[in-house]
C-alpha atoms as a PDB file:
ATOM      1  CA  UNK A   1      -6.371 -13.100  22.463  1.00  0.00           C
ATOM      2  CA  UNK A   2      -3.643 -12.506  25.029  1.00  0.00           C
ATOM      3  CA  UNK A   3      -3.595  -9.454  27.230  1.00  0.00           C
ATOM      4  CA  UNK A   4      -1.243  -6.615  26.430  1.00  0.00           C
ATOM      5  CA  UNK A   5       2.276  -7.155  27.627  1.00  0.00           C
ATOM      6  CA  UNK A   6       4.915  -4.448  27.897  1.00  0.00           C
ATOM      7  CA  UNK A   7       8.299  -5.250  26.416  1.00  0.00           C
ATOM      8  CA  UNK A   8      10.059  -1.920  26.683  1.00  0.00           C
ATOM      9  CA  UNK A   9      13.672  -2.291  27.730  1.00  0.00           C
ATOM     10  CA  UNK A  10      14.876  -0.015  30.510  1.00  0.00           C
ATOM     11  CA  UNK A  11      17.529   1.400  28.171  1.00  0.00           C
ATOM     12  CA  UNK A  12      14.966   2.282  25.500  1.00  0.00           C
ATOM     13  CA  UNK A  13      12.623   3.814  28.106  1.00  0.00           C
ATOM     14  CA  UNK A  14      15.402   6.028  29.471  1.00  0.00           C
ATOM     15  CA  UNK A  15      16.392   7.036  25.905  1.00  0.00           C
ATOM     16  CA  UNK A  16      12.866   8.041  24.990  1.00  0.00           C
ATOM     17  CA  UNK A  17      12.180   9.749  28.285  1.00  0.00           C
ATOM     18  CA  UNK A  18      15.373  11.792  27.913  1.00  0.00           C
ATOM     19  CA  UNK A  19      13.882  13.376  24.837  1.00  0.00           C
ATOM     20  CA  UNK A  20      10.720  14.272  26.746  1.00  0.00           C
ATOM     21  CA  UNK A  21       8.553  11.827  24.783  1.00  0.00           C
ATOM     22  CA  UNK A  22       5.822  11.981  27.392  1.00  0.00           C
ATOM     23  CA  UNK A  23       5.392  15.690  26.623  1.00  0.00           C
ATOM     24  CA  UNK A  24       3.653  14.726  23.395  1.00  0.00           C
ATOM     25  CA  UNK A  25      -0.045  13.998  24.009  1.00  0.00           C
ATOM     26  CA  UNK A  26      -1.009  12.715  20.645  1.00  0.00           C
ATOM     27  CA  UNK A  27       0.135   9.490  18.997  1.00  0.00           C
ATOM     28  CA  UNK A  28       1.861  10.251  15.693  1.00  0.00           C
ATOM     29  CA  UNK A  29       1.510   7.951  12.692  1.00  0.00           C
ATOM     30  CA  UNK A  30       2.969   8.294   9.204  1.00  0.00           C
ATOM     31  CA  UNK A  31       3.177   6.160   6.092  1.00  0.00           C
ATOM     32  CA  UNK A  32       1.235   4.572   3.236  1.00  0.00           C
ATOM     33  CA  UNK A  33      -1.628   6.395   1.541  1.00  0.00           C
ATOM     34  CA  UNK A  34      -3.330   3.028   1.075  1.00  0.00           C
ATOM     35  CA  UNK A  35      -3.112   2.135   4.790  1.00  0.00           C
ATOM     36  CA  UNK A  36      -4.101   5.721   5.764  1.00  0.00           C
ATOM     37  CA  UNK A  37      -7.862   5.286   5.657  1.00  0.00           C
ATOM     38  CA  UNK A  38      -7.733   2.157   7.752  1.00  0.00           C
ATOM     39  CA  UNK A  39      -5.511   3.764  10.365  1.00  0.00           C
ATOM     40  CA  UNK A  40      -7.717   6.897  10.309  1.00  0.00           C
ATOM     41  CA  UNK A  41     -10.737   4.721  10.945  1.00  0.00           C
ATOM     42  CA  UNK A  42      -9.041   3.067  13.910  1.00  0.00           C
ATOM     43  CA  UNK A  43      -7.977   6.525  15.201  1.00  0.00           C
ATOM     44  CA  UNK A  44     -11.540   7.804  15.118  1.00  0.00           C
ATOM     45  CA  UNK A  45     -12.895   4.665  16.771  1.00  0.00           C
ATOM     46  CA  UNK A  46     -10.179   4.890  19.483  1.00  0.00           C
ATOM     47  CA  UNK A  47     -10.893   8.502  20.206  1.00  0.00           C
ATOM     48  CA  UNK A  48     -14.694   7.875  20.363  1.00  0.00           C
ATOM     49  CA  UNK A  49     -14.262   4.882  22.731  1.00  0.00           C
ATOM     50  CA  UNK A  50     -11.705   6.424  25.090  1.00  0.00           C
ATOM     51  CA  UNK A  51     -12.118  10.189  24.911  1.00  0.00           C
ATOM     52  CA  UNK A  52      -8.363  10.401  24.371  1.00  0.00           C
ATOM     53  CA  UNK A  53      -6.902  12.754  21.730  1.00  0.00           C
ATOM     54  CA  UNK A  54      -7.193  11.330  18.246  1.00  0.00           C
ATOM     55  CA  UNK A  55      -3.855  10.217  16.799  1.00  0.00           C
ATOM     56  CA  UNK A  56      -2.307  12.428  14.166  1.00  0.00           C
ATOM     57  CA  UNK A  57      -2.228  10.373  10.931  1.00  0.00           C
ATOM     58  CA  UNK A  58      -0.143  11.648   7.993  1.00  0.00           C
ATOM     59  CA  UNK A  59      -0.177  10.228   4.491  1.00  0.00           C
ATOM     60  CA  UNK A  60       3.535  10.381   3.530  1.00  0.00           C
ATOM     61  CA  UNK A  61       3.825   7.340   1.326  1.00  0.00           C
ATOM     62  CA  UNK A  62       5.379   4.034   2.352  1.00  0.00           C
ATOM     63  CA  UNK A  63       8.956   5.012   1.472  1.00  0.00           C
ATOM     64  CA  UNK A  64       8.630   8.412   2.996  1.00  0.00           C
ATOM     65  CA  UNK A  65       7.052   6.990   6.126  1.00  0.00           C
ATOM     66  CA  UNK A  66       9.832   4.453   6.600  1.00  0.00           C
ATOM     67  CA  UNK A  67      12.476   7.180   6.393  1.00  0.00           C
ATOM     68  CA  UNK A  68      10.689   9.287   9.005  1.00  0.00           C
ATOM     69  CA  UNK A  69       9.875   6.331  11.244  1.00  0.00           C
ATOM     70  CA  UNK A  70      13.424   5.029  11.201  1.00  0.00           C
ATOM     71  CA  UNK A  71      14.848   8.516  12.023  1.00  0.00           C
ATOM     72  CA  UNK A  72      15.154   7.675  15.726  1.00  0.00           C
ATOM     73  CA  UNK A  73      13.278   7.335  19.030  1.00  0.00           C
ATOM     74  CA  UNK A  74      11.872  10.183  21.063  1.00  0.00           C
ATOM     75  CA  UNK A  75       8.881  12.509  20.965  1.00  0.00           C
ATOM     76  CA  UNK A  76       9.991  14.178  17.727  1.00  0.00           C
ATOM     77  CA  UNK A  77       9.817  10.810  15.841  1.00  0.00           C
ATOM     78  CA  UNK A  78       6.577   8.983  14.974  1.00  0.00           C
ATOM     79  CA  UNK A  79       5.311   5.917  16.833  1.00  0.00           C
ATOM     80  CA  UNK A  80       3.836   3.934  13.947  1.00  0.00           C
ATOM     81  CA  UNK A  81       4.152   3.787  10.194  1.00  0.00           C
ATOM     82  CA  UNK A  82       1.747   2.199   7.666  1.00  0.00           C
ATOM     83  CA  UNK A  83       3.145   0.362   4.664  1.00  0.00           C
ATOM     84  CA  UNK A  84       1.690  -1.153   1.484  1.00  0.00           C
ATOM     85  CA  UNK A  85       4.644  -3.494   1.282  1.00  0.00           C
ATOM     86  CA  UNK A  86       7.019  -5.163   3.806  1.00  0.00           C
ATOM     87  CA  UNK A  87       9.880  -3.142   5.204  1.00  0.00           C
ATOM     88  CA  UNK A  88      12.966  -3.439   3.028  1.00  0.00           C
ATOM     89  CA  UNK A  89      16.339  -4.606   4.325  1.00  0.00           C
ATOM     90  CA  UNK A  90      17.792  -1.156   3.681  1.00  0.00           C
ATOM     91  CA  UNK A  91      15.029   0.473   5.699  1.00  0.00           C
ATOM     92  CA  UNK A  92      15.572  -1.992   8.596  1.00  0.00           C
ATOM     93  CA  UNK A  93      19.247  -1.150   8.524  1.00  0.00           C
ATOM     94  CA  UNK A  94      18.393   2.557   8.708  1.00  0.00           C
ATOM     95  CA  UNK A  95      16.197   1.882  11.743  1.00  0.00           C
ATOM     96  CA  UNK A  96      19.023  -0.080  13.418  1.00  0.00           C
ATOM     97  CA  UNK A  97      21.585   2.644  12.699  1.00  0.00           C
ATOM     98  CA  UNK A  98      19.324   5.285  14.266  1.00  0.00           C
ATOM     99  CA  UNK A  99      18.563   3.292  17.413  1.00  0.00           C
ATOM    100  CA  UNK A 100      15.140   2.003  16.315  1.00  0.00           C
ATOM    101  CA  UNK A 101      16.141  -1.535  17.208  1.00  0.00           C
ATOM    102  CA  UNK A 102      12.831  -2.966  18.499  1.00  0.00           C
ATOM    103  CA  UNK A 103       9.989  -2.908  16.010  1.00  0.00           C
ATOM    104  CA  UNK A 104       6.847  -4.998  15.742  1.00  0.00           C
ATOM    105  CA  UNK A 105       5.447  -5.795  12.321  1.00  0.00           C
ATOM    106  CA  UNK A 106       1.685  -6.217  11.754  1.00  0.00           C
ATOM    107  CA  UNK A 107       0.312  -7.644   8.564  1.00  0.00           C
ATOM    108  CA  UNK A 108      -3.241  -6.377   8.933  1.00  0.00           C
ATOM    109  CA  UNK A 109      -4.887  -7.763   5.769  1.00  0.00           C
ATOM    110  CA  UNK A 110      -4.860  -7.693   1.996  1.00  0.00           C
ATOM    111  CA  UNK A 111      -5.570  -5.170  -0.709  1.00  0.00           C
ATOM    112  CA  UNK A 112      -5.996  -5.358  -4.437  1.00  0.00           C
ATOM    113  CA  UNK A 113      -4.195  -2.852  -6.676  1.00  0.00           C
ATOM    114  CA  UNK A 114      -7.026  -1.584  -8.751  1.00  0.00           C
ATOM    115  CA  UNK A 115      -7.328   0.064 -12.160  1.00  0.00           C
ATOM    116  CA  UNK A 116     -10.508   2.079 -12.196  1.00  0.00           C
ATOM    117  CA  UNK A 117     -12.406   4.241 -14.642  1.00  0.00           C
ATOM    118  CA  UNK A 118     -15.398   6.530 -14.482  1.00  0.00           C
ATOM    119  CA  UNK A 119     -18.870   4.992 -14.547  1.00  0.00           C
ATOM    120  CA  UNK A 120     -19.484   7.466 -17.370  1.00  0.00           C
ATOM    121  CA  UNK A 121     -17.336   5.232 -19.560  1.00  0.00           C
ATOM    122  CA  UNK A 122     -19.579   2.526 -20.911  1.00  0.00           C
ATOM    123  CA  UNK A 123     -16.869   0.183 -22.415  1.00  0.00           C
ATOM    124  CA  UNK A 124     -16.440  -3.188 -20.730  1.00  0.00           C
ATOM    125  CA  UNK A 125     -12.797  -2.855 -19.834  1.00  0.00           C
ATOM    126  CA  UNK A 126     -10.821  -6.114 -19.490  1.00  0.00           C
ATOM    127  CA  UNK A 127      -7.052  -5.824 -19.914  1.00  0.00           C
ATOM    128  CA  UNK A 128      -4.371  -8.454 -19.811  1.00  0.00           C
ATOM    129  CA  UNK A 129      -1.209  -7.721 -17.802  1.00  0.00           C
ATOM    130  CA  UNK A 130       0.641  -7.633 -21.108  1.00  0.00           C
ATOM    131  CA  UNK A 131      -1.634  -4.918 -22.475  1.00  0.00           C
ATOM    132  CA  UNK A 132      -1.166  -2.899 -19.283  1.00  0.00           C
ATOM    133  CA  UNK A 133       2.587  -3.117 -19.661  1.00  0.00           C
ATOM    134  CA  UNK A 134       2.404  -2.061 -23.315  1.00  0.00           C
ATOM    135  CA  UNK A 135       0.341   0.954 -22.326  1.00  0.00           C
ATOM    136  CA  UNK A 136       2.456   2.160 -19.392  1.00  0.00           C
ATOM    137  CA  UNK A 137       5.959   0.721 -19.762  1.00  0.00           C
ATOM    138  CA  UNK A 138       8.800   3.190 -20.645  1.00  0.00           C
ATOM    139  CA  UNK A 139      10.143   0.746 -23.195  1.00  0.00           C
ATOM    140  CA  UNK A 140       8.421  -1.946 -25.228  1.00  0.00           C
ATOM    141  CA  UNK A 141       9.047  -4.180 -28.263  1.00  0.00           C
ATOM    142  CA  UNK A 142       8.996  -2.187 -31.529  1.00  0.00           C
ATOM    143  CA  UNK A 143       9.686  -3.984 -34.811  1.00  0.00           C
ATOM    144  CA  UNK A 144      11.679  -6.606 -32.994  1.00  0.00           C
ATOM    145  CA  UNK A 145      13.704  -4.238 -30.872  1.00  0.00           C
ATOM    146  CA  UNK A 146      13.428  -2.925 -27.304  1.00  0.00           C
ATOM    147  CA  UNK A 147      12.596   0.769 -27.755  1.00  0.00           C
ATOM    148  CA  UNK A 148      10.786   3.817 -26.334  1.00  0.00           C
ATOM    149  CA  UNK A 149       7.050   3.270 -26.071  1.00  0.00           C
ATOM    150  CA  UNK A 150       5.227   4.606 -29.180  1.00  0.00           C
ATOM    151  CA  UNK A 151       1.677   3.817 -28.183  1.00  0.00           C
ATOM    152  CA  UNK A 152      -0.681   6.748 -27.661  1.00  0.00           C
ATOM    153  CA  UNK A 153      -4.123   5.099 -27.938  1.00  0.00           C
ATOM    154  CA  UNK A 154      -5.510   1.854 -26.540  1.00  0.00           C
ATOM    155  CA  UNK A 155      -6.547   0.458 -29.939  1.00  0.00           C
ATOM    156  CA  UNK A 156      -2.906   0.608 -31.115  1.00  0.00           C
ATOM    157  CA  UNK A 157      -2.229  -2.087 -28.513  1.00  0.00           C
ATOM    158  CA  UNK A 158      -5.349  -4.163 -29.222  1.00  0.00           C
ATOM    159  CA  UNK A 159      -7.834  -3.238 -31.970  1.00  0.00           C
ATOM    160  CA  UNK A 160     -10.638  -4.468 -29.751  1.00  0.00           C
ATOM    161  CA  UNK A 161      -9.952  -1.687 -27.264  1.00  0.00           C
ATOM    162  CA  UNK A 162     -11.338   1.833 -27.685  1.00  0.00           C
ATOM    163  CA  UNK A 163      -9.652   4.343 -29.906  1.00  0.00           C
ATOM    164  CA  UNK A 164      -9.057   6.775 -27.057  1.00  0.00           C
ATOM    165  CA  UNK A 165      -5.791   8.262 -25.660  1.00  0.00           C
ATOM    166  CA  UNK A 166      -3.976   6.308 -23.058  1.00  0.00           C
ATOM    167  CA  UNK A 167      -4.046   8.338 -19.855  1.00  0.00           C
ATOM    168  CA  UNK A 168      -3.378   6.737 -16.451  1.00  0.00           C
ATOM    169  CA  UNK A 169      -2.977   8.465 -13.093  1.00  0.00           C
ATOM    170  CA  UNK A 170      -0.921   6.593 -10.587  1.00  0.00           C
ATOM    171  CA  UNK A 171       1.349   6.829  -7.537  1.00  0.00           C
ATOM    172  CA  UNK A 172       4.877   8.264  -7.372  1.00  0.00           C
ATOM    173  CA  UNK A 173       8.073   6.274  -6.782  1.00  0.00           C
ATOM    174  CA  UNK A 174       7.950   6.979  -3.011  1.00  0.00           C
ATOM    175  CA  UNK A 175       4.708   5.034  -2.753  1.00  0.00           C
ATOM    176  CA  UNK A 176       4.563   1.402  -1.735  1.00  0.00           C
ATOM    177  CA  UNK A 177       1.603   1.151  -4.176  1.00  0.00           C
ATOM    178  CA  UNK A 178       4.010   2.068  -6.989  1.00  0.00           C
ATOM    179  CA  UNK A 179       6.512  -0.536  -5.817  1.00  0.00           C
ATOM    180  CA  UNK A 180       3.824  -3.208  -5.665  1.00  0.00           C
ATOM    181  CA  UNK A 181       2.329  -2.166  -9.036  1.00  0.00           C
ATOM    182  CA  UNK A 182       5.685  -2.407 -10.749  1.00  0.00           C
ATOM    183  CA  UNK A 183       6.377  -5.879  -9.274  1.00  0.00           C
ATOM    184  CA  UNK A 184       2.907  -7.410  -9.591  1.00  0.00           C
ATOM    185  CA  UNK A 185       1.588  -5.792 -12.776  1.00  0.00           C
ATOM    186  CA  UNK A 186       4.473  -4.357 -14.790  1.00  0.00           C
ATOM    187  CA  UNK A 187       6.994  -7.198 -14.332  1.00  0.00           C
ATOM    188  CA  UNK A 188       4.296  -9.822 -14.757  1.00  0.00           C
ATOM    189  CA  UNK A 189       2.926  -8.066 -17.887  1.00  0.00           C
ATOM    190  CA  UNK A 190       6.384  -7.770 -19.370  1.00  0.00           C
ATOM    191  CA  UNK A 191       6.970 -11.461 -18.871  1.00  0.00           C
ATOM    192  CA  UNK A 192       3.821 -12.161 -20.943  1.00  0.00           C
ATOM    193  CA  UNK A 193       5.179 -10.380 -24.019  1.00  0.00           C
ATOM    194  CA  UNK A 194       6.192 -12.685 -26.897  1.00  0.00           C
ATOM    195  CA  UNK A 195       9.399 -10.618 -27.320  1.00  0.00           C
ATOM    196  CA  UNK A 196      10.472 -11.490 -23.749  1.00  0.00           C
ATOM    197  CA  UNK A 197       9.309 -15.114 -23.851  1.00  0.00           C
ATOM    198  CA  UNK A 198      10.958 -15.802 -27.217  1.00  0.00           C
ATOM    199  CA  UNK A 199      14.135 -14.092 -26.171  1.00  0.00           C
ATOM    200  CA  UNK A 200      14.440 -16.231 -23.040  1.00  0.00           C
ATOM    201  CA  UNK A 201      15.017 -13.209 -20.832  1.00  0.00           C
ATOM    202  CA  UNK A 202      15.262 -13.987 -17.134  1.00  0.00           C
ATOM    203  CA  UNK A 203      13.851 -12.268 -14.090  1.00  0.00           C
ATOM    204  CA  UNK A 204      16.918 -10.111 -13.738  1.00  0.00           C
ATOM    205  CA  UNK A 205      16.533  -8.749 -17.282  1.00  0.00           C
ATOM    206  CA  UNK A 206      12.836  -8.059 -16.576  1.00  0.00           C
ATOM    207  CA  UNK A 207      13.597  -6.184 -13.430  1.00  0.00           C
ATOM    208  CA  UNK A 208      16.293  -4.074 -15.160  1.00  0.00           C
ATOM    209  CA  UNK A 209      14.293  -3.290 -18.296  1.00  0.00           C
ATOM    210  CA  UNK A 210      10.592  -3.420 -17.330  1.00  0.00           C
ATOM    211  CA  UNK A 211      10.475  -1.438 -14.099  1.00  0.00           C
ATOM    212  CA  UNK A 212      10.205   2.128 -15.489  1.00  0.00           C
ATOM    213  CA  UNK A 213       6.873   3.737 -16.072  1.00  0.00           C
ATOM    214  CA  UNK A 214       6.734   5.951 -19.120  1.00  0.00           C
ATOM    215  CA  UNK A 215       7.307   9.735 -18.682  1.00  0.00           C
ATOM    216  CA  UNK A 216       6.131  11.026 -22.031  1.00  0.00           C
ATOM    217  CA  UNK A 217       2.538  11.840 -20.952  1.00  0.00           C
ATOM    218  CA  UNK A 218       0.279   8.753 -20.906  1.00  0.00           C
ATOM    219  CA  UNK A 219       1.237   7.958 -17.323  1.00  0.00           C
ATOM    220  CA  UNK A 220       0.910  10.801 -14.791  1.00  0.00           C
ATOM    221  CA  UNK A 221       2.262  10.714 -11.246  1.00  0.00           C
ATOM    222  CA  UNK A 222      -0.573  12.010  -9.104  1.00  0.00           C
ATOM    223  CA  UNK A 223       1.181  12.221  -5.736  1.00  0.00           C
ATOM    224  CA  UNK A 224       0.211  10.471  -2.535  1.00  0.00           C
ATOM    225  CA  UNK A 225      -3.381  11.780  -2.518  1.00  0.00           C
ATOM    226  CA  UNK A 226      -5.491   9.016  -4.030  1.00  0.00           C
ATOM    227  CA  UNK A 227      -8.608  11.130  -3.623  1.00  0.00           C
ATOM    228  CA  UNK A 228      -7.079  13.498  -6.189  1.00  0.00           C
ATOM    229  CA  UNK A 229      -6.985  10.578  -8.664  1.00  0.00           C
ATOM    230  CA  UNK A 230     -10.652   9.899  -8.027  1.00  0.00           C
ATOM    231  CA  UNK A 231     -11.482  13.549  -8.844  1.00  0.00           C
ATOM    232  CA  UNK A 232      -9.501  13.381 -12.090  1.00  0.00           C
ATOM    233  CA  UNK A 233     -11.276  10.229 -13.204  1.00  0.00           C
ATOM    234  CA  UNK A 234     -14.630  11.957 -12.548  1.00  0.00           C
ATOM    235  CA  UNK A 235     -13.450  14.833 -14.793  1.00  0.00           C
ATOM    236  CA  UNK A 236     -12.237  12.654 -17.642  1.00  0.00           C
ATOM    237  CA  UNK A 237     -14.247   9.525 -18.418  1.00  0.00           C
ATOM    238  CA  UNK A 238     -11.556   7.943 -20.499  1.00  0.00           C
ATOM    239  CA  UNK A 239      -8.757   8.218 -17.864  1.00  0.00           C
ATOM    240  CA  UNK A 240      -7.855   5.307 -15.699  1.00  0.00           C
ATOM    241  CA  UNK A 241      -6.480   5.426 -12.206  1.00  0.00           C
ATOM    242  CA  UNK A 242      -4.243   3.078 -10.230  1.00  0.00           C
ATOM    243  CA  UNK A 243      -4.707   2.867  -6.474  1.00  0.00           C
ATOM    244  CA  UNK A 244      -5.576   0.503  -3.611  1.00  0.00           C
ATOM    245  CA  UNK A 245      -8.891  -1.304  -3.685  1.00  0.00           C
ATOM    246  CA  UNK A 246     -10.193   0.612  -0.707  1.00  0.00           C
ATOM    247  CA  UNK A 247     -10.377   3.788  -2.805  1.00  0.00           C
ATOM    248  CA  UNK A 248     -12.341   1.976  -5.473  1.00  0.00           C
ATOM    249  CA  UNK A 249     -14.609   0.417  -2.859  1.00  0.00           C
ATOM    250  CA  UNK A 250     -15.340   3.816  -1.259  1.00  0.00           C
ATOM    251  CA  UNK A 251     -16.131   5.390  -4.681  1.00  0.00           C
ATOM    252  CA  UNK A 252     -18.227   2.638  -6.425  1.00  0.00           C
ATOM    253  CA  UNK A 253     -20.933   5.222  -7.052  1.00  0.00           C
ATOM    254  CA  UNK A 254     -18.526   7.157  -9.283  1.00  0.00           C
ATOM    255  CA  UNK A 255     -15.988   4.503 -10.492  1.00  0.00           C
ATOM    256  CA  UNK A 256     -15.919   0.982 -11.750  1.00  0.00           C
ATOM    257  CA  UNK A 257     -13.065  -1.500 -11.643  1.00  0.00           C
ATOM    258  CA  UNK A 258     -11.131  -2.493 -14.746  1.00  0.00           C
ATOM    259  CA  UNK A 259     -11.006  -6.295 -15.033  1.00  0.00           C
ATOM    260  CA  UNK A 260      -7.546  -7.725 -15.272  1.00  0.00           C
ATOM    261  CA  UNK A 261      -7.117 -11.086 -16.958  1.00  0.00           C
ATOM    262  CA  UNK A 262     -10.891 -11.450 -16.896  1.00  0.00           C
ATOM    263  CA  UNK A 263     -11.237 -10.924 -13.137  1.00  0.00           C
ATOM    264  CA  UNK A 264     -12.942  -8.012 -11.434  1.00  0.00           C
ATOM    265  CA  UNK A 265     -11.325  -6.397  -8.436  1.00  0.00           C
ATOM    266  CA  UNK A 266     -13.462  -7.090  -5.449  1.00  0.00           C
ATOM    267  CA  UNK A 267     -13.112  -8.545  -1.891  1.00  0.00           C
ATOM    268  CA  UNK A 268     -13.900 -12.120  -2.918  1.00  0.00           C
ATOM    269  CA  UNK A 269     -11.392 -12.239  -5.785  1.00  0.00           C
ATOM    270  CA  UNK A 270      -8.680 -10.551  -3.693  1.00  0.00           C
ATOM    271  CA  UNK A 271      -9.239 -12.983  -0.834  1.00  0.00           C
ATOM    272  CA  UNK A 272      -9.165 -16.077  -2.991  1.00  0.00           C
ATOM    273  CA  UNK A 273      -6.161 -14.829  -4.998  1.00  0.00           C
ATOM    274  CA  UNK A 274      -7.978 -15.072  -8.368  1.00  0.00           C
ATOM    275  CA  UNK A 275      -7.486 -11.341  -8.865  1.00  0.00           C
ATOM    276  CA  UNK A 276      -3.853 -11.205 -10.163  1.00  0.00           C
ATOM    277  CA  UNK A 277      -2.730  -7.871  -8.583  1.00  0.00           C
ATOM    278  CA  UNK A 278      -3.034  -8.032  -4.805  1.00  0.00           C
ATOM    279  CA  UNK A 279      -0.684  -7.392  -1.902  1.00  0.00           C
ATOM    280  CA  UNK A 280      -0.411  -7.450   1.876  1.00  0.00           C
ATOM    281  CA  UNK A 281      -0.756  -4.319   4.024  1.00  0.00           C
ATOM    282  CA  UNK A 282       1.288  -3.603   7.139  1.00  0.00           C
ATOM    283  CA  UNK A 283       1.975  -1.238   9.990  1.00  0.00           C
ATOM    284  CA  UNK A 284       5.072  -1.069  12.134  1.00  0.00           C
ATOM    285  CA  UNK A 285       5.204  -0.081  15.849  1.00  0.00           C
ATOM    286  CA  UNK A 286       8.213   1.494  17.609  1.00  0.00           C
ATOM    287  CA  UNK A 287       8.260  -0.618  20.784  1.00  0.00           C
ATOM    288  CA  UNK A 288      10.463   1.812  22.653  1.00  0.00           C
ATOM    289  CA  UNK A 289       7.542   4.231  22.615  1.00  0.00           C
ATOM    290  CA  UNK A 290       5.140   1.806  24.287  1.00  0.00           C
ATOM    291  CA  UNK A 291       4.389   2.832  27.870  1.00  0.00           C
ATOM    292  CA  UNK A 292       5.926   6.297  27.226  1.00  0.00           C
ATOM    293  CA  UNK A 293       3.762   7.947  24.623  1.00  0.00           C
ATOM    294  CA  UNK A 294       0.339   8.338  26.287  1.00  0.00           C
ATOM    295  CA  UNK A 295      -2.369   5.972  25.013  1.00  0.00           C
ATOM    296  CA  UNK A 296      -0.181   4.196  22.508  1.00  0.00           C
ATOM    297  CA  UNK A 297      -0.748   0.780  24.034  1.00  0.00           C
ATOM    298  CA  UNK A 298      -4.466   1.395  24.106  1.00  0.00           C
ATOM    299  CA  UNK A 299      -4.453   2.474  20.429  1.00  0.00           C
ATOM    300  CA  UNK A 300      -2.559  -0.697  19.440  1.00  0.00           C
ATOM    301  CA  UNK A 301      -5.152  -2.719  21.341  1.00  0.00           C
ATOM    302  CA  UNK A 302      -7.899  -1.086  19.299  1.00  0.00           C
ATOM    303  CA  UNK A 303      -6.108  -1.695  15.999  1.00  0.00           C
ATOM    304  CA  UNK A 304      -5.630  -5.377  16.957  1.00  0.00           C
ATOM    305  CA  UNK A 305      -9.239  -5.805  18.128  1.00  0.00           C
ATOM    306  CA  UNK A 306     -11.582  -8.276  16.566  1.00  0.00           C
ATOM    307  CA  UNK A 307     -13.950  -5.334  15.954  1.00  0.00           C
ATOM    308  CA  UNK A 308     -11.356  -3.883  13.605  1.00  0.00           C
ATOM    309  CA  UNK A 309      -9.767  -6.860  11.978  1.00  0.00           C
ATOM    310  CA  UNK A 310     -12.416  -9.602  11.641  1.00  0.00           C
ATOM    311  CA  UNK A 311     -14.002 -10.309   8.283  1.00  0.00           C
ATOM    312  CA  UNK A 312     -17.108  -8.474   9.488  1.00  0.00           C
ATOM    313  CA  UNK A 313     -15.168  -5.721  11.278  1.00  0.00           C
ATOM    314  CA  UNK A 314     -15.209  -2.023  10.582  1.00  0.00           C
ATOM    315  CA  UNK A 315     -12.016  -2.081   8.523  1.00  0.00           C
ATOM    316  CA  UNK A 316     -13.550  -4.682   6.176  1.00  0.00           C
ATOM    317  CA  UNK A 317     -16.415  -2.257   5.738  1.00  0.00           C
ATOM    318  CA  UNK A 318     -13.880   0.160   4.288  1.00  0.00           C
ATOM    319  CA  UNK A 319     -12.367  -2.387   1.878  1.00  0.00           C
ATOM    320  CA  UNK A 320      -9.703  -4.274   3.842  1.00  0.00           C
ATOM    321  CA  UNK A 321      -9.598  -7.979   2.939  1.00  0.00           C
ATOM    322  CA  UNK A 322      -9.287  -9.741   6.330  1.00  0.00           C
ATOM    323  CA  UNK A 323      -6.827 -12.415   7.379  1.00  0.00           C
ATOM    324  CA  UNK A 324      -8.058 -15.920   8.093  1.00  0.00           C
ATOM    325  CA  UNK A 325      -9.049 -16.310  11.729  1.00  0.00           C
ATOM    326  CA  UNK A 326      -6.083 -18.368  12.823  1.00  0.00           C
ATOM    327  CA  UNK A 327      -3.603 -16.029  11.121  1.00  0.00           C
ATOM    328  CA  UNK A 328      -5.392 -13.028  12.618  1.00  0.00           C
ATOM    329  CA  UNK A 329      -5.202 -14.429  16.192  1.00  0.00           C
ATOM    330  CA  UNK A 330      -1.467 -15.180  15.703  1.00  0.00           C
ATOM    331  CA  UNK A 331      -0.919 -11.592  14.532  1.00  0.00           C
ATOM    332  CA  UNK A 332      -2.883 -10.147  17.500  1.00  0.00           C
ATOM    333  CA  UNK A 333      -0.853 -12.058  20.065  1.00  0.00           C
ATOM    334  CA  UNK A 334       2.483 -11.148  18.486  1.00  0.00           C
ATOM    335  CA  UNK A 335       1.749  -7.389  18.181  1.00  0.00           C
ATOM    336  CA  UNK A 336       0.136  -7.039  21.569  1.00  0.00           C
ATOM    337  CA  UNK A 337       3.070  -8.772  23.164  1.00  0.00           C
ATOM    338  CA  UNK A 338       5.493  -6.455  21.377  1.00  0.00           C
ATOM    339  CA  UNK A 339       7.301  -9.259  19.503  1.00  0.00           C
ATOM    340  CA  UNK A 340      10.184  -7.807  17.602  1.00  0.00           C
ATOM    341  CA  UNK A 341      10.364  -8.400  13.847  1.00  0.00           C
ATOM    342  CA  UNK A 342      13.075 -10.396  12.210  1.00  0.00           C
ATOM    343  CA  UNK A 343      15.538  -8.683   9.872  1.00  0.00           C
ATOM    344  CA  UNK A 344      14.200  -8.702   6.279  1.00  0.00           C
ATOM    345  CA  UNK A 345      16.212 -10.845   3.816  1.00  0.00           C
END
């Protein structure tokens, strides 16, 4: 791994210093609720190793974190944001407009988007993506027409499923988990429907008609606190929850994964891509803050360390699916050197 190199331009350093950035002692981090536990683990390890103040890590959601992160440079703006999807072109443009022109992107590993249910539920759940869409989509095929979703129990969708009410707790629209779930589960499930296949509808039609989650009760937005979803699943053995694999992994004593297309969510199936609903996880660093915010460079070194990111590292112990060794080393060099990301397409 290369040693840390500083790539802060003189102009950026002056701009940050002019806002008294050095007056802030703690590193400030915002972003994804899914990336939050990994960043929090690194923050704790960093504080234990160095004795420096532990970074302040806030779970704001991916979209909310991007908006805050791209607000500008200076001590009143965060240094890092976590994301459960890649930065969008519109977010990159917002950063550029507000002077956040030098940002490093770090793809830290992979995560499965899990459906989970209480261990008190003894049914062997295995859902197809099409069944998931029919349960949670705002509109579905009804008597040959595209109409509001009428399904209220799982057996109405498939008689082999339990005759219990459909109730799913999931992330809000500001969450990168929601964005990824819509793209990887809802769109893919919609495309499996005979109505869509027979109609010859293309990807544009699917995106326009299959992106909305239902709002009539069976799907409940549970906010950015995934631990709250875990609590609700404990309280109702028939409810399912949607969140990143790390939260399932950390609560396997209480919850079990719902198989999707016959595949159980676990590290091995996420890593080999056999689990159909997986996504990369990121964080973004404001390079103008390097060398100005105390301990930021050292924190980045800890996040990029082998101890954190290797397959046997402490983040893997919390559910992160690690990158292959060659890809990890390439990432470490790029982030430690402060390589600026390219504009998203």
